């Protein structure tokens, strides 16, 4: 009986986490409208913006995705002239560092501003309170 209650509580927590993830994804997709960026592209740009430069392996590890997927996204962002590759200055000749171009920096600033404006104009106080309560119940 106690085991059944524990399983039920774990399932409820799992459902709450899924609802949270879906809500956050909806908010992020709403915030990215008009930027011509996917959620993954935006995440990579933000990470590179915060860290200055990085490599494909680090991005794959941080975002828990395969190197080929990261390489494909990097290729798309390079085509859009938002990032650039440069030779690694350390011992590993195979490594290539990735950093933002001027356009990439402008795009990240634009996206951050758009997200901030959307959050300020969004009338979702009730949903945010519900979300906060769900987060609190998970701990």
N, C-alpha and C. Protein backbone atom coordinates (compact mmCIF):
# COMPACT_ATOMS: atom_id res chain seq x y z
N UNK A 1 0.82 -1.20 0.00
CA UNK A 1 0.00 0.00 0.00
C UNK A 1 0.86 1.27 0.00
N UNK A 2 1.86 1.31 0.90
CA UNK A 2 2.75 2.48 0.96
C UNK A 2 3.54 2.60 -0.34
N UNK A 3 3.90 1.45 -0.90
CA UNK A 3 4.64 1.43 -2.15
C UNK A 3 3.78 1.99 -3.29
N UNK A 4 2.50 1.65 -3.29
CA UNK A 4 1.57 2.16 -4.30
C UNK A 4 1.44 3.68 -4.21
N UNK A 5 1.38 4.20 -2.98
CA UNK A 5 1.28 5.65 -2.79
C UNK A 5 2.55 6.36 -3.28
N UNK A 6 3.70 5.73 -3.03
CA UNK A 6 4.96 6.32 -3.48
C UNK A 6 5.03 6.35 -5.01
N UNK A 7 4.59 5.26 -5.65
CA UNK A 7 4.57 5.20 -7.11
C UNK A 7 3.62 6.25 -7.66
N UNK A 8 2.46 6.39 -7.02
CA UNK A 8 1.48 7.40 -7.46
C UNK A 8 2.06 8.80 -7.34
N UNK A 9 2.76 9.09 -6.25
CA UNK A 9 3.38 10.41 -6.05
C UNK A 9 4.46 10.66 -7.10
N UNK A 10 5.25 9.63 -7.41
CA UNK A 10 6.29 9.78 -8.43
C UNK A 10 5.67 10.05 -9.80
N UNK A 11 4.57 9.36 -10.11
CA UNK A 11 3.90 9.59 -11.39
C UNK A 11 3.33 11.00 -11.47
N UNK A 12 2.77 11.48 -10.37
CA UNK A 12 2.26 12.85 -10.34
C UNK A 12 3.38 13.86 -10.55
N UNK A 13 4.54 13.62 -9.90
CA UNK A 13 5.69 14.49 -10.09
C UNK A 13 6.15 14.48 -11.55
N UNK A 14 6.15 13.29 -12.14
CA UNK A 14 6.56 13.15 -13.53
C UNK A 14 5.60 13.92 -14.44
N UNK A 15 4.30 13.79 -14.19
CA UNK A 15 3.30 14.54 -14.97
C UNK A 15 3.50 16.04 -14.82
N UNK A 16 3.78 16.48 -13.59
CA UNK A 16 4.02 17.90 -13.35
C UNK A 16 5.25 18.39 -14.11
N UNK A 17 6.30 17.58 -14.12
CA UNK A 17 7.51 17.96 -14.85
C UNK A 17 7.24 18.05 -16.35
N UNK A 18 6.45 17.12 -16.88
CA UNK A 18 6.10 17.17 -18.30
C UNK A 18 5.28 18.42 -18.62
N UNK A 19 4.32 18.72 -17.75
CA UNK A 19 3.51 19.92 -17.95
C UNK A 19 4.39 21.17 -17.90
N UNK A 20 5.34 21.20 -16.96
CA UNK A 20 6.26 22.31 -16.85
C UNK A 20 7.08 22.47 -18.12
N UNK A 21 7.63 21.36 -18.60
CA UNK A 21 8.44 21.40 -19.81
C UNK A 21 7.62 21.90 -21.00
N UNK A 22 6.40 21.40 -21.13
CA UNK A 22 5.54 21.82 -22.23
C UNK A 22 5.21 23.32 -22.14
N UNK A 23 4.93 23.78 -20.93
CA UNK A 23 4.61 25.20 -20.73
C UNK A 23 5.81 26.07 -21.08
N UNK A 24 6.98 25.68 -20.61
CA UNK A 24 8.19 26.45 -20.88
C UNK A 24 8.49 26.45 -22.38
N UNK A 25 8.34 25.29 -23.02
CA UNK A 25 8.56 25.22 -24.47
C UNK A 25 7.59 26.12 -25.23
N UNK A 26 6.33 26.15 -24.81
CA UNK A 26 5.35 27.03 -25.46
C UNK A 26 5.76 28.50 -25.30
N UNK A 27 6.19 28.86 -24.08
CA UNK A 27 6.62 30.23 -23.83
C UNK A 27 7.82 30.58 -24.71
N UNK A 28 8.79 29.68 -24.77
CA UNK A 28 10.00 29.95 -25.55
C UNK A 28 9.68 30.05 -27.04
N UNK A 29 8.83 29.17 -27.54
CA UNK A 29 8.46 29.25 -28.96
C UNK A 29 7.74 30.55 -29.25
N UNK A 30 6.89 30.98 -28.33
CA UNK A 30 6.20 32.26 -28.48
C UNK A 30 7.23 33.39 -28.52
N UNK A 31 8.21 33.32 -27.63
CA UNK A 31 9.22 34.36 -27.54
C UNK A 31 10.13 34.40 -28.77
N UNK A 32 10.28 33.28 -29.47
CA UNK A 32 11.20 33.22 -30.61
C UNK A 32 10.52 33.53 -31.94
N UNK A 33 9.20 33.76 -31.91
CA UNK A 33 8.51 34.10 -33.16
C UNK A 33 9.16 35.31 -33.80
N UNK A 34 9.37 35.24 -35.09
CA UNK A 34 9.92 36.37 -35.81
C UNK A 34 11.44 36.45 -35.79
N UNK A 35 12.11 35.59 -35.03
CA UNK A 35 13.57 35.64 -34.98
C UNK A 35 14.19 34.76 -36.05
N UNK A 36 13.41 33.88 -36.65
CA UNK A 36 13.88 32.91 -37.64
C UNK A 36 14.90 31.95 -37.04
N UNK A 37 14.80 31.71 -35.73
CA UNK A 37 15.67 30.75 -35.04
C UNK A 37 14.83 29.65 -34.44
N UNK A 38 15.37 28.45 -34.45
CA UNK A 38 14.73 27.36 -33.72
C UNK A 38 15.13 27.48 -32.25
N UNK A 39 14.44 26.75 -31.41
CA UNK A 39 14.76 26.75 -29.99
C UNK A 39 16.20 26.27 -29.78
N UNK A 40 16.60 25.22 -30.49
CA UNK A 40 17.96 24.67 -30.35
C UNK A 40 19.01 25.69 -30.82
N UNK A 41 18.75 26.35 -31.94
CA UNK A 41 19.69 27.36 -32.43
C UNK A 41 19.84 28.49 -31.41
N UNK A 42 18.73 28.89 -30.84
CA UNK A 42 18.75 29.95 -29.84
C UNK A 42 19.56 29.51 -28.61
N UNK A 43 19.35 28.28 -28.17
CA UNK A 43 20.09 27.76 -27.02
C UNK A 43 21.60 27.78 -27.29
N UNK A 44 21.99 27.34 -28.48
CA UNK A 44 23.41 27.32 -28.82
C UNK A 44 23.99 28.73 -28.87
N UNK A 45 23.26 29.64 -29.51
CA UNK A 45 23.74 31.02 -29.58
C UNK A 45 23.90 31.63 -28.18
N UNK A 46 22.92 31.39 -27.32
CA UNK A 46 22.98 31.92 -25.95
C UNK A 46 24.18 31.35 -25.20
N UNK A 47 24.41 30.04 -25.37
CA UNK A 47 25.54 29.39 -24.70
C UNK A 47 26.86 30.00 -25.17
N UNK A 48 27.00 30.14 -26.49
CA UNK A 48 28.23 30.71 -27.04
C UNK A 48 28.39 32.16 -26.59
N UNK A 49 27.29 32.89 -26.53
CA UNK A 49 27.30 34.28 -26.07
C UNK A 49 27.82 34.35 -24.63
N UNK A 50 27.36 33.44 -23.78
CA UNK A 50 27.76 33.43 -22.37
C UNK A 50 29.20 32.98 -22.17
N UNK A 51 29.69 32.08 -23.03
CA UNK A 51 31.01 31.49 -22.82
C UNK A 51 32.09 32.03 -23.76
N UNK A 52 31.73 32.89 -24.68
CA UNK A 52 32.71 33.48 -25.57
C UNK A 52 33.05 32.59 -26.76
N UNK A 53 33.57 31.42 -26.48
CA UNK A 53 33.86 30.46 -27.54
C UNK A 53 33.79 29.06 -26.97
N UNK A 54 33.60 28.10 -27.84
CA UNK A 54 33.44 26.72 -27.42
C UNK A 54 33.73 25.82 -28.60
N UNK A 55 33.64 24.52 -28.37
CA UNK A 55 33.85 23.55 -29.44
C UNK A 55 32.62 22.67 -29.62
N UNK A 56 32.60 21.91 -30.71
CA UNK A 56 31.47 21.04 -31.02
C UNK A 56 31.28 19.99 -29.92
N UNK A 57 32.38 19.40 -29.45
CA UNK A 57 32.28 18.36 -28.42
C UNK A 57 31.66 18.91 -27.13
N UNK A 58 32.09 20.10 -26.75
CA UNK A 58 31.53 20.71 -25.53
C UNK A 58 30.04 20.96 -25.69
N UNK A 59 29.63 21.48 -26.84
CA UNK A 59 28.21 21.74 -27.08
C UNK A 59 27.40 20.45 -27.05
N UNK A 60 27.93 19.39 -27.67
CA UNK A 60 27.23 18.10 -27.68
C UNK A 60 27.09 17.58 -26.25
N UNK A 61 28.13 17.72 -25.45
CA UNK A 61 28.09 17.24 -24.07
C UNK A 61 27.10 18.07 -23.23
N UNK A 62 27.17 19.38 -23.36
CA UNK A 62 26.31 20.26 -22.56
C UNK A 62 24.83 20.06 -22.89
N UNK A 63 24.52 19.94 -24.19
CA UNK A 63 23.13 19.81 -24.60
C UNK A 63 22.66 18.37 -24.74
N UNK A 64 23.59 17.43 -24.44
CA UNK A 64 23.26 16.00 -24.43
C UNK A 64 22.65 15.54 -25.76
N UNK A 65 23.33 15.94 -26.85
CA UNK A 65 22.94 15.52 -28.19
C UNK A 65 24.19 15.06 -28.92
N UNK A 66 24.02 14.47 -30.09
CA UNK A 66 25.15 13.94 -30.83
C UNK A 66 25.97 15.05 -31.49
N UNK A 67 27.23 14.75 -31.73
CA UNK A 67 28.10 15.70 -32.44
C UNK A 67 27.57 16.01 -33.85
N UNK A 68 27.09 14.99 -34.59
CA UNK A 68 26.56 15.31 -35.93
C UNK A 68 25.39 16.31 -35.89
N UNK A 69 24.52 16.19 -34.89
CA UNK A 69 23.41 17.15 -34.77
C UNK A 69 23.95 18.55 -34.51
N UNK A 70 24.90 18.66 -33.58
CA UNK A 70 25.50 19.97 -33.29
C UNK A 70 26.18 20.51 -34.54
N UNK A 71 26.90 19.66 -35.26
CA UNK A 71 27.60 20.10 -36.48
C UNK A 71 26.62 20.63 -37.52
N UNK A 72 25.47 19.96 -37.64
CA UNK A 72 24.45 20.41 -38.61
C UNK A 72 23.91 21.79 -38.21
N UNK A 73 23.63 21.96 -36.92
CA UNK A 73 23.10 23.25 -36.45
C UNK A 73 24.17 24.34 -36.61
N UNK A 74 25.41 23.99 -36.30
CA UNK A 74 26.52 24.93 -36.45
C UNK A 74 26.62 25.36 -37.92
N UNK A 75 26.47 24.41 -38.84
CA UNK A 75 26.51 24.72 -40.26
C UNK A 75 25.42 25.71 -40.65
N UNK A 76 24.21 25.51 -40.11
CA UNK A 76 23.10 26.42 -40.40
C UNK A 76 23.39 27.82 -39.86
N UNK A 77 23.94 27.88 -38.65
CA UNK A 77 24.23 29.17 -38.04
C UNK A 77 25.39 29.88 -38.76
N UNK A 78 26.34 29.09 -39.28
CA UNK A 78 27.42 29.69 -40.06
C UNK A 78 26.89 30.24 -41.38
N UNK A 79 25.97 29.49 -41.99
CA UNK A 79 25.37 29.95 -43.25
C UNK A 79 24.62 31.27 -43.04
N UNK A 80 24.04 31.41 -41.87
CA UNK A 80 23.33 32.65 -41.53
C UNK A 80 24.28 33.74 -41.05
N UNK A 81 25.57 33.42 -41.02
CA UNK A 81 26.63 34.35 -40.61
C UNK A 81 26.45 34.84 -39.16
N UNK A 82 25.96 33.91 -38.30
CA UNK A 82 25.80 34.24 -36.89
C UNK A 82 26.96 33.74 -36.04
N UNK A 83 27.67 32.72 -36.54
CA UNK A 83 28.84 32.20 -35.83
C UNK A 83 29.97 31.99 -36.82
N UNK A 84 31.18 31.81 -36.29
CA UNK A 84 32.34 31.53 -37.12
C UNK A 84 33.20 30.47 -36.42
N UNK A 85 33.96 29.78 -37.23
CA UNK A 85 34.92 28.81 -36.71
C UNK A 85 36.32 29.39 -36.83
N UNK A 86 37.16 29.03 -35.87
CA UNK A 86 38.55 29.44 -35.94
C UNK A 86 39.42 28.33 -35.36
N UNK A 87 40.63 28.24 -35.82
CA UNK A 87 41.55 27.20 -35.36
C UNK A 87 41.79 27.34 -33.86
N UNK A 88 41.82 26.20 -33.18
CA UNK A 88 42.10 26.16 -31.75
C UNK A 88 43.57 26.47 -31.52
N UNK A 89 43.87 27.31 -30.57
CA UNK A 89 45.25 27.73 -30.33
C UNK A 89 46.02 26.78 -29.43
N UNK A 90 45.37 25.75 -28.90
CA UNK A 90 46.03 24.80 -28.02
C UNK A 90 46.72 23.68 -28.77
N UNK A 91 46.92 22.55 -28.10
CA UNK A 91 47.66 21.43 -28.65
C UNK A 91 46.88 20.60 -29.67
N UNK A 92 45.59 20.58 -29.57
CA UNK A 92 44.77 19.72 -30.42
C UNK A 92 44.50 20.42 -31.76
N UNK A 93 45.17 19.96 -32.80
CA UNK A 93 45.03 20.59 -34.13
C UNK A 93 43.67 20.33 -34.76
N UNK A 94 43.01 19.25 -34.32
CA UNK A 94 41.71 18.90 -34.91
C UNK A 94 40.59 19.78 -34.38
N UNK A 95 40.77 20.34 -33.21
CA UNK A 95 39.72 21.13 -32.58
C UNK A 95 39.55 22.47 -33.28
N UNK A 96 38.30 22.86 -33.40
CA UNK A 96 37.95 24.16 -33.97
C UNK A 96 37.07 24.87 -32.94
N UNK A 97 37.41 26.11 -32.66
CA UNK A 97 36.60 26.89 -31.74
C UNK A 97 35.50 27.62 -32.50
N UNK A 98 34.39 27.77 -31.84
CA UNK A 98 33.22 28.43 -32.41
C UNK A 98 32.93 29.67 -31.58
N UNK A 99 32.72 30.79 -32.25
CA UNK A 99 32.35 32.02 -31.55
C UNK A 99 31.33 32.78 -32.38
N UNK A 100 30.73 33.78 -31.76
CA UNK A 100 29.72 34.59 -32.44
C UNK A 100 30.37 35.64 -33.33
N UNK A 101 29.73 35.92 -34.43
CA UNK A 101 30.12 37.04 -35.28
C UNK A 101 29.43 38.29 -34.72
N UNK A 102 29.72 39.43 -35.30
CA UNK A 102 29.01 40.66 -34.90
C UNK A 102 27.50 40.49 -35.09
N UNK A 103 27.12 39.87 -36.23
CA UNK A 103 25.69 39.62 -36.48
C UNK A 103 25.11 38.69 -35.43
N UNK A 104 25.90 37.70 -35.00
CA UNK A 104 25.46 36.77 -33.97
C UNK A 104 25.21 37.46 -32.65
N UNK A 105 26.11 38.35 -32.28
CA UNK A 105 25.95 39.11 -31.04
C UNK A 105 24.70 39.98 -31.12
N UNK A 106 24.51 40.65 -32.26
CA UNK A 106 23.32 41.48 -32.45
C UNK A 106 22.05 40.64 -32.35
N UNK A 107 22.08 39.45 -32.94
CA UNK A 107 20.91 38.56 -32.92
C UNK A 107 20.59 38.13 -31.50
N UNK A 108 21.61 37.77 -30.71
CA UNK A 108 21.37 37.35 -29.32
C UNK A 108 20.78 38.51 -28.52
N UNK A 109 21.32 39.69 -28.68
CA UNK A 109 20.80 40.87 -27.97
C UNK A 109 19.35 41.12 -28.38
N UNK A 110 19.06 41.00 -29.67
CA UNK A 110 17.70 41.19 -30.18
C UNK A 110 16.75 40.15 -29.58
N UNK A 111 17.18 38.89 -29.54
CA UNK A 111 16.34 37.81 -28.99
C UNK A 111 16.10 38.04 -27.51
N UNK A 112 17.15 38.40 -26.77
CA UNK A 112 16.99 38.65 -25.33
C UNK A 112 16.01 39.79 -25.08
N UNK A 113 16.10 40.83 -25.91
CA UNK A 113 15.20 41.98 -25.77
C UNK A 113 13.76 41.57 -26.08
N UNK A 114 13.60 40.76 -27.14
CA UNK A 114 12.26 40.31 -27.52
C UNK A 114 11.65 39.44 -26.42
N UNK A 115 12.44 38.54 -25.86
CA UNK A 115 11.95 37.67 -24.78
C UNK A 115 11.54 38.52 -23.58
N UNK A 116 12.36 39.48 -23.24
CA UNK A 116 12.04 40.36 -22.11
C UNK A 116 10.75 41.13 -22.36
N UNK A 117 10.60 41.68 -23.56
CA UNK A 117 9.37 42.42 -23.89
C UNK A 117 8.15 41.51 -23.85
N UNK A 118 8.29 40.29 -24.38
CA UNK A 118 7.17 39.36 -24.38
C UNK A 118 6.76 38.97 -22.97
N UNK A 119 7.75 38.76 -22.11
CA UNK A 119 7.44 38.40 -20.73
C UNK A 119 6.73 39.53 -20.01
N UNK A 120 7.14 40.77 -20.30
CA UNK A 120 6.51 41.92 -19.65
C UNK A 120 5.09 42.13 -20.15
N UNK A 121 4.85 41.85 -21.42
CA UNK A 121 3.52 42.11 -21.97
C UNK A 121 2.57 40.93 -21.81
N UNK A 122 3.11 39.79 -21.42
CA UNK A 122 2.30 38.59 -21.29
C UNK A 122 1.43 38.66 -20.04
N UNK A 123 0.18 38.41 -20.19
CA UNK A 123 -0.71 38.39 -19.03
C UNK A 123 -0.95 36.94 -18.64
N UNK A 124 0.04 36.38 -17.98
CA UNK A 124 -0.08 34.97 -17.61
C UNK A 124 0.21 34.77 -16.13
N UNK A 125 -0.19 35.72 -15.32
CA UNK A 125 0.08 35.66 -13.90
C UNK A 125 -0.48 34.37 -13.30
N UNK A 126 -1.70 34.01 -13.68
CA UNK A 126 -2.33 32.81 -13.14
C UNK A 126 -1.52 31.56 -13.50
N UNK A 127 -1.09 31.49 -14.79
CA UNK A 127 -0.31 30.33 -15.23
C UNK A 127 1.04 30.28 -14.52
N UNK A 128 1.67 31.45 -14.35
CA UNK A 128 2.97 31.47 -13.68
C UNK A 128 2.85 31.06 -12.21
N UNK A 129 1.78 31.48 -11.56
CA UNK A 129 1.56 31.07 -10.17
C UNK A 129 1.35 29.56 -10.08
N UNK A 130 0.57 29.02 -10.99
CA UNK A 130 0.36 27.58 -11.05
C UNK A 130 1.66 26.85 -11.28
N UNK A 131 2.47 27.38 -12.19
CA UNK A 131 3.78 26.80 -12.51
C UNK A 131 4.68 26.83 -11.28
N UNK A 132 4.69 27.93 -10.56
CA UNK A 132 5.49 28.07 -9.35
C UNK A 132 5.06 27.05 -8.30
N UNK A 133 3.76 26.86 -8.15
CA UNK A 133 3.26 25.87 -7.19
C UNK A 133 3.67 24.46 -7.57
N UNK A 134 3.64 24.16 -8.86
CA UNK A 134 4.04 22.83 -9.33
C UNK A 134 5.52 22.59 -9.07
N UNK A 135 6.34 23.62 -9.30
CA UNK A 135 7.78 23.51 -9.03
C UNK A 135 8.00 23.26 -7.54
N UNK A 136 7.29 24.00 -6.72
CA UNK A 136 7.44 23.83 -5.27
C UNK A 136 7.03 22.44 -4.83
N UNK A 137 6.01 21.87 -5.47
CA UNK A 137 5.55 20.53 -5.07
C UNK A 137 6.54 19.45 -5.47
N UNK A 138 7.40 19.73 -6.45
CA UNK A 138 8.38 18.73 -6.89
C UNK A 138 9.51 18.57 -5.89
N UNK A 139 9.79 19.59 -5.09
CA UNK A 139 10.92 19.50 -4.17
C UNK A 139 10.60 18.87 -2.86
